[in-house]
């Protein structure tokens, strides 16, 4: 994986793909909560897809979230916000 940054300075890394209903649902929840997202489309970004496979048992399961050193596959909005409170409180709204 080239130049992977777990969480950007501007948001939580949100790995997704077009047409994924779980991605759309989580994105709506996080947007409603005011969580800044650094979206990475795994179909357009081979490094993003490789990262997702590395934390999802070789699968390209999305949504996958990176918050600091915490990686979550198909988390709830509450799980993401809890991880942010622990890892990146400066990004909380």
N, C-alpha and C. Protein backbone atom coordinates (compact mmCIF):
# COMPACT_ATOMS: atom_id res chain seq x y z
N UNK A 1 0.84 -1.17 0.00
CA UNK A 1 0.00 0.00 0.00
C UNK A 1 0.89 1.24 0.00
N UNK A 2 0.70 2.08 -0.93
CA UNK A 2 1.52 3.28 -1.04
C UNK A 2 0.88 4.44 -0.30
N UNK A 3 1.67 5.09 0.54
CA UNK A 3 1.28 6.36 1.15
C UNK A 3 -0.09 6.34 1.81
N UNK A 4 -0.39 5.33 2.59
CA UNK A 4 -1.66 5.29 3.29
C UNK A 4 -1.60 6.16 4.54
N UNK A 5 -2.57 7.04 4.71
CA UNK A 5 -2.72 7.85 5.91
C UNK A 5 -4.03 7.44 6.56
N UNK A 6 -3.99 6.85 7.76
CA UNK A 6 -5.21 6.34 8.38
C UNK A 6 -6.32 7.37 8.50
N UNK A 7 -6.05 8.53 9.04
CA UNK A 7 -7.05 9.57 9.17
C UNK A 7 -6.42 10.86 8.70
N UNK A 8 -7.10 11.54 7.82
CA UNK A 8 -6.57 12.79 7.32
C UNK A 8 -6.76 13.88 8.36
N UNK A 9 -6.15 15.03 8.12
CA UNK A 9 -6.33 16.17 9.01
C UNK A 9 -7.72 16.76 8.90
N UNK A 10 -8.43 16.41 7.84
CA UNK A 10 -9.72 17.02 7.59
C UNK A 10 -10.90 16.11 7.84
N UNK A 11 -10.68 14.84 8.07
CA UNK A 11 -11.82 13.97 8.31
C UNK A 11 -11.45 12.52 8.54
N UNK A 12 -12.48 11.77 8.87
CA UNK A 12 -12.37 10.33 9.08
C UNK A 12 -12.29 9.68 7.70
N UNK A 13 -11.38 8.74 7.52
CA UNK A 13 -11.27 8.05 6.23
C UNK A 13 -12.44 7.09 6.07
N UNK A 14 -13.21 7.32 5.01
CA UNK A 14 -14.45 6.59 4.74
C UNK A 14 -14.29 5.88 3.41
N UNK A 15 -14.11 4.56 3.45
CA UNK A 15 -13.91 3.75 2.25
C UNK A 15 -15.27 3.24 1.80
N UNK A 16 -15.59 3.47 0.53
CA UNK A 16 -16.91 3.16 0.01
C UNK A 16 -16.82 2.75 -1.45
N UNK A 17 -17.96 2.37 -2.01
CA UNK A 17 -18.06 2.13 -3.45
C UNK A 17 -19.45 2.57 -3.90
N UNK A 18 -19.59 3.00 -5.15
CA UNK A 18 -20.89 3.42 -5.65
C UNK A 18 -21.92 2.30 -5.57
N UNK A 19 -23.14 2.67 -5.23
CA UNK A 19 -24.24 1.72 -5.18
C UNK A 19 -24.35 0.93 -3.89
N UNK A 20 -23.45 1.13 -2.96
CA UNK A 20 -23.47 0.37 -1.69
C UNK A 20 -24.49 1.00 -0.74
N UNK A 21 -25.59 0.29 -0.45
CA UNK A 21 -26.61 0.87 0.43
C UNK A 21 -26.12 1.05 1.87
N UNK A 22 -25.23 0.19 2.32
CA UNK A 22 -24.68 0.32 3.67
C UNK A 22 -23.80 1.57 3.77
N UNK A 23 -23.06 1.84 2.70
CA UNK A 23 -22.23 3.05 2.65
C UNK A 23 -23.10 4.29 2.71
N UNK A 24 -24.16 4.30 1.90
CA UNK A 24 -25.05 5.47 1.86
C UNK A 24 -25.71 5.71 3.22
N UNK A 25 -26.11 4.64 3.88
CA UNK A 25 -26.75 4.76 5.18
C UNK A 25 -25.78 5.32 6.22
N UNK A 26 -24.57 4.78 6.27
CA UNK A 26 -23.58 5.26 7.23
C UNK A 26 -23.19 6.70 6.92
N UNK A 27 -23.02 7.01 5.65
CA UNK A 27 -22.65 8.38 5.28
C UNK A 27 -23.73 9.36 5.73
N UNK A 28 -25.00 9.02 5.51
CA UNK A 28 -26.10 9.90 5.96
C UNK A 28 -26.04 10.11 7.47
N UNK A 29 -25.82 9.03 8.21
CA UNK A 29 -25.75 9.11 9.67
C UNK A 29 -24.60 10.00 10.13
N UNK A 30 -23.43 9.82 9.52
CA UNK A 30 -22.26 10.61 9.92
C UNK A 30 -22.39 12.06 9.48
N UNK A 31 -22.96 12.29 8.31
CA UNK A 31 -23.19 13.67 7.86
C UNK A 31 -24.16 14.39 8.81
N UNK A 32 -25.21 13.69 9.21
CA UNK A 32 -26.20 14.26 10.14
C UNK A 32 -25.54 14.64 11.46
N UNK A 33 -24.56 13.84 11.89
CA UNK A 33 -23.84 14.10 13.14
C UNK A 33 -22.75 15.15 12.97
N UNK A 34 -22.49 15.57 11.72
CA UNK A 34 -21.47 16.59 11.47
C UNK A 34 -20.04 16.06 11.43
N UNK A 35 -19.90 14.76 11.19
CA UNK A 35 -18.57 14.15 11.14
C UNK A 35 -17.92 14.45 9.78
N UNK A 36 -16.71 15.02 9.79
CA UNK A 36 -16.02 15.29 8.53
C UNK A 36 -15.48 13.98 7.93
N UNK A 37 -15.76 13.77 6.65
CA UNK A 37 -15.35 12.52 6.00
C UNK A 37 -14.35 12.78 4.89
N UNK A 38 -13.34 11.95 4.86
CA UNK A 38 -12.39 11.91 3.75
C UNK A 38 -12.75 10.66 2.96
N UNK A 39 -13.61 10.83 1.95
CA UNK A 39 -14.16 9.69 1.22
C UNK A 39 -13.15 9.13 0.22
N UNK A 40 -13.06 7.79 0.19
CA UNK A 40 -12.14 7.10 -0.72
C UNK A 40 -12.89 5.98 -1.42
N UNK A 41 -13.12 6.16 -2.71
CA UNK A 41 -13.86 5.20 -3.52
C UNK A 41 -12.92 4.05 -3.88
N UNK A 42 -13.23 2.85 -3.39
CA UNK A 42 -12.32 1.72 -3.62
C UNK A 42 -12.32 1.26 -5.07
N UNK A 43 -13.30 1.65 -5.86
CA UNK A 43 -13.30 1.29 -7.28
C UNK A 43 -12.41 2.22 -8.09
N UNK A 44 -12.17 3.43 -7.59
CA UNK A 44 -11.33 4.40 -8.29
C UNK A 44 -9.90 4.46 -7.76
N UNK A 45 -9.68 3.93 -6.57
CA UNK A 45 -8.39 4.08 -5.89
C UNK A 45 -7.85 2.70 -5.49
N UNK A 46 -6.89 2.16 -6.25
CA UNK A 46 -6.35 0.82 -5.94
C UNK A 46 -5.72 0.74 -4.54
N UNK A 47 -5.10 1.82 -4.08
CA UNK A 47 -4.52 1.81 -2.73
C UNK A 47 -5.62 1.71 -1.67
N UNK A 48 -6.72 2.39 -1.89
CA UNK A 48 -7.85 2.31 -0.96
C UNK A 48 -8.42 0.90 -0.94
N UNK A 49 -8.56 0.29 -2.10
CA UNK A 49 -9.07 -1.08 -2.17
C UNK A 49 -8.12 -2.05 -1.47
N UNK A 50 -6.83 -1.85 -1.64
CA UNK A 50 -5.84 -2.71 -0.98
C UNK A 50 -5.91 -2.55 0.53
N UNK A 51 -6.10 -1.32 0.99
CA UNK A 51 -6.22 -1.10 2.43
C UNK A 51 -7.44 -1.84 2.98
N UNK A 52 -8.57 -1.70 2.30
CA UNK A 52 -9.79 -2.37 2.77
C UNK A 52 -9.58 -3.88 2.83
N UNK A 53 -8.97 -4.45 1.80
CA UNK A 53 -8.68 -5.90 1.84
C UNK A 53 -7.79 -6.26 3.02
N UNK A 54 -6.86 -5.37 3.37
CA UNK A 54 -5.92 -5.66 4.46
C UNK A 54 -6.59 -5.70 5.83
N UNK A 55 -7.71 -4.99 5.99
CA UNK A 55 -8.39 -4.98 7.29
C UNK A 55 -9.71 -5.75 7.28
N UNK A 56 -10.10 -6.27 6.11
CA UNK A 56 -11.38 -6.98 5.99
C UNK A 56 -11.17 -8.42 5.53
N UNK A 57 -10.14 -9.07 6.05
CA UNK A 57 -9.89 -10.49 5.77
C UNK A 57 -9.81 -10.79 4.28
N UNK A 58 -9.20 -9.87 3.52
CA UNK A 58 -9.01 -10.09 2.09
C UNK A 58 -10.19 -9.70 1.23
N UNK A 59 -11.25 -9.23 1.85
CA UNK A 59 -12.46 -8.83 1.11
C UNK A 59 -12.50 -7.32 0.91
N UNK A 60 -13.23 -6.88 -0.08
CA UNK A 60 -13.44 -5.45 -0.29
C UNK A 60 -14.78 -5.05 0.31
N UNK A 61 -14.92 -5.28 1.61
CA UNK A 61 -16.15 -4.99 2.31
C UNK A 61 -16.20 -3.52 2.69
N UNK A 62 -17.26 -2.85 2.28
CA UNK A 62 -17.46 -1.46 2.61
C UNK A 62 -18.86 -1.29 3.20
N UNK A 63 -19.05 -0.26 4.02
CA UNK A 63 -18.10 0.77 4.35
C UNK A 63 -17.04 0.27 5.33
N UNK A 64 -15.84 0.75 5.12
CA UNK A 64 -14.75 0.55 6.06
C UNK A 64 -14.30 1.94 6.50
N UNK A 65 -14.03 2.07 7.78
CA UNK A 65 -13.68 3.36 8.36
C UNK A 65 -12.32 3.26 9.05
N UNK A 66 -11.51 4.30 8.88
CA UNK A 66 -10.25 4.42 9.62
C UNK A 66 -10.33 5.68 10.46
N UNK A 67 -10.17 5.51 11.77
CA UNK A 67 -10.15 6.62 12.72
C UNK A 67 -8.89 6.46 13.54
N UNK A 68 -7.89 7.30 13.28
CA UNK A 68 -6.62 7.12 13.97
C UNK A 68 -6.08 5.74 13.69
N UNK A 69 -5.81 4.97 14.73
CA UNK A 69 -5.29 3.61 14.56
C UNK A 69 -6.39 2.56 14.66
N UNK A 70 -7.65 2.99 14.63
CA UNK A 70 -8.79 2.09 14.70
C UNK A 70 -9.39 1.90 13.31
N UNK A 71 -9.62 0.65 12.93
CA UNK A 71 -10.21 0.33 11.64
C UNK A 71 -11.47 -0.47 11.88
N UNK A 72 -12.56 -0.10 11.20
CA UNK A 72 -13.85 -0.75 11.41
C UNK A 72 -14.49 -1.10 10.07
N UNK A 73 -15.00 -2.31 9.98
CA UNK A 73 -15.70 -2.77 8.78
C UNK A 73 -17.19 -2.77 9.08
N UNK A 74 -17.94 -2.01 8.28
CA UNK A 74 -19.39 -1.88 8.40
C UNK A 74 -19.83 -1.49 9.81
N UNK A 75 -19.26 -0.40 10.35
CA UNK A 75 -19.64 0.01 11.70
C UNK A 75 -20.93 0.82 11.70
N UNK A 76 -21.46 1.04 12.88
CA UNK A 76 -22.60 1.95 13.03
C UNK A 76 -22.04 3.37 13.20
N UNK A 77 -22.89 4.34 13.03
CA UNK A 77 -22.48 5.72 13.26
C UNK A 77 -22.01 5.93 14.69
N UNK A 78 -22.69 5.30 15.64
CA UNK A 78 -22.30 5.42 17.06
C UNK A 78 -20.90 4.85 17.30
N UNK A 79 -20.58 3.74 16.64
CA UNK A 79 -19.24 3.15 16.80
C UNK A 79 -18.17 4.10 16.25
N UNK A 80 -18.46 4.75 15.14
CA UNK A 80 -17.50 5.69 14.55
C UNK A 80 -17.28 6.86 15.49
N UNK A 81 -18.34 7.42 16.02
CA UNK A 81 -18.23 8.58 16.92
C UNK A 81 -17.51 8.19 18.20
N UNK A 82 -17.75 7.00 18.71
CA UNK A 82 -17.04 6.53 19.91
C UNK A 82 -15.54 6.42 19.62
N UNK A 83 -15.18 5.87 18.46
CA UNK A 83 -13.77 5.75 18.09
C UNK A 83 -13.15 7.14 17.92
N UNK A 84 -13.91 8.07 17.37
CA UNK A 84 -13.40 9.44 17.23
C UNK A 84 -13.12 10.07 18.58
N UNK A 85 -14.00 9.84 19.55
CA UNK A 85 -13.80 10.40 20.89
C UNK A 85 -12.51 9.89 21.50
N UNK A 86 -12.15 8.65 21.18
CA UNK A 86 -10.93 8.05 21.72
C UNK A 86 -9.69 8.41 20.90
N UNK A 87 -9.81 8.44 19.58
CA UNK A 87 -8.66 8.56 18.70
C UNK A 87 -8.44 9.96 18.15
N UNK A 88 -9.52 10.64 17.78
CA UNK A 88 -9.39 11.95 17.10
C UNK A 88 -10.44 12.93 17.63
N UNK A 89 -10.41 13.24 18.92
CA UNK A 89 -11.45 14.13 19.47
C UNK A 89 -11.47 15.50 18.80
N UNK A 90 -10.36 15.93 18.24
CA UNK A 90 -10.32 17.23 17.57
C UNK A 90 -11.19 17.27 16.31
N UNK A 91 -11.59 16.10 15.79
CA UNK A 91 -12.43 16.05 14.60
C UNK A 91 -13.92 15.99 14.94
N UNK A 92 -14.25 15.84 16.23
CA UNK A 92 -15.66 15.78 16.59
C UNK A 92 -16.31 17.14 16.39
N UNK A 93 -17.56 17.11 15.91
CA UNK A 93 -18.27 18.39 15.72
C UNK A 93 -18.60 19.06 17.06
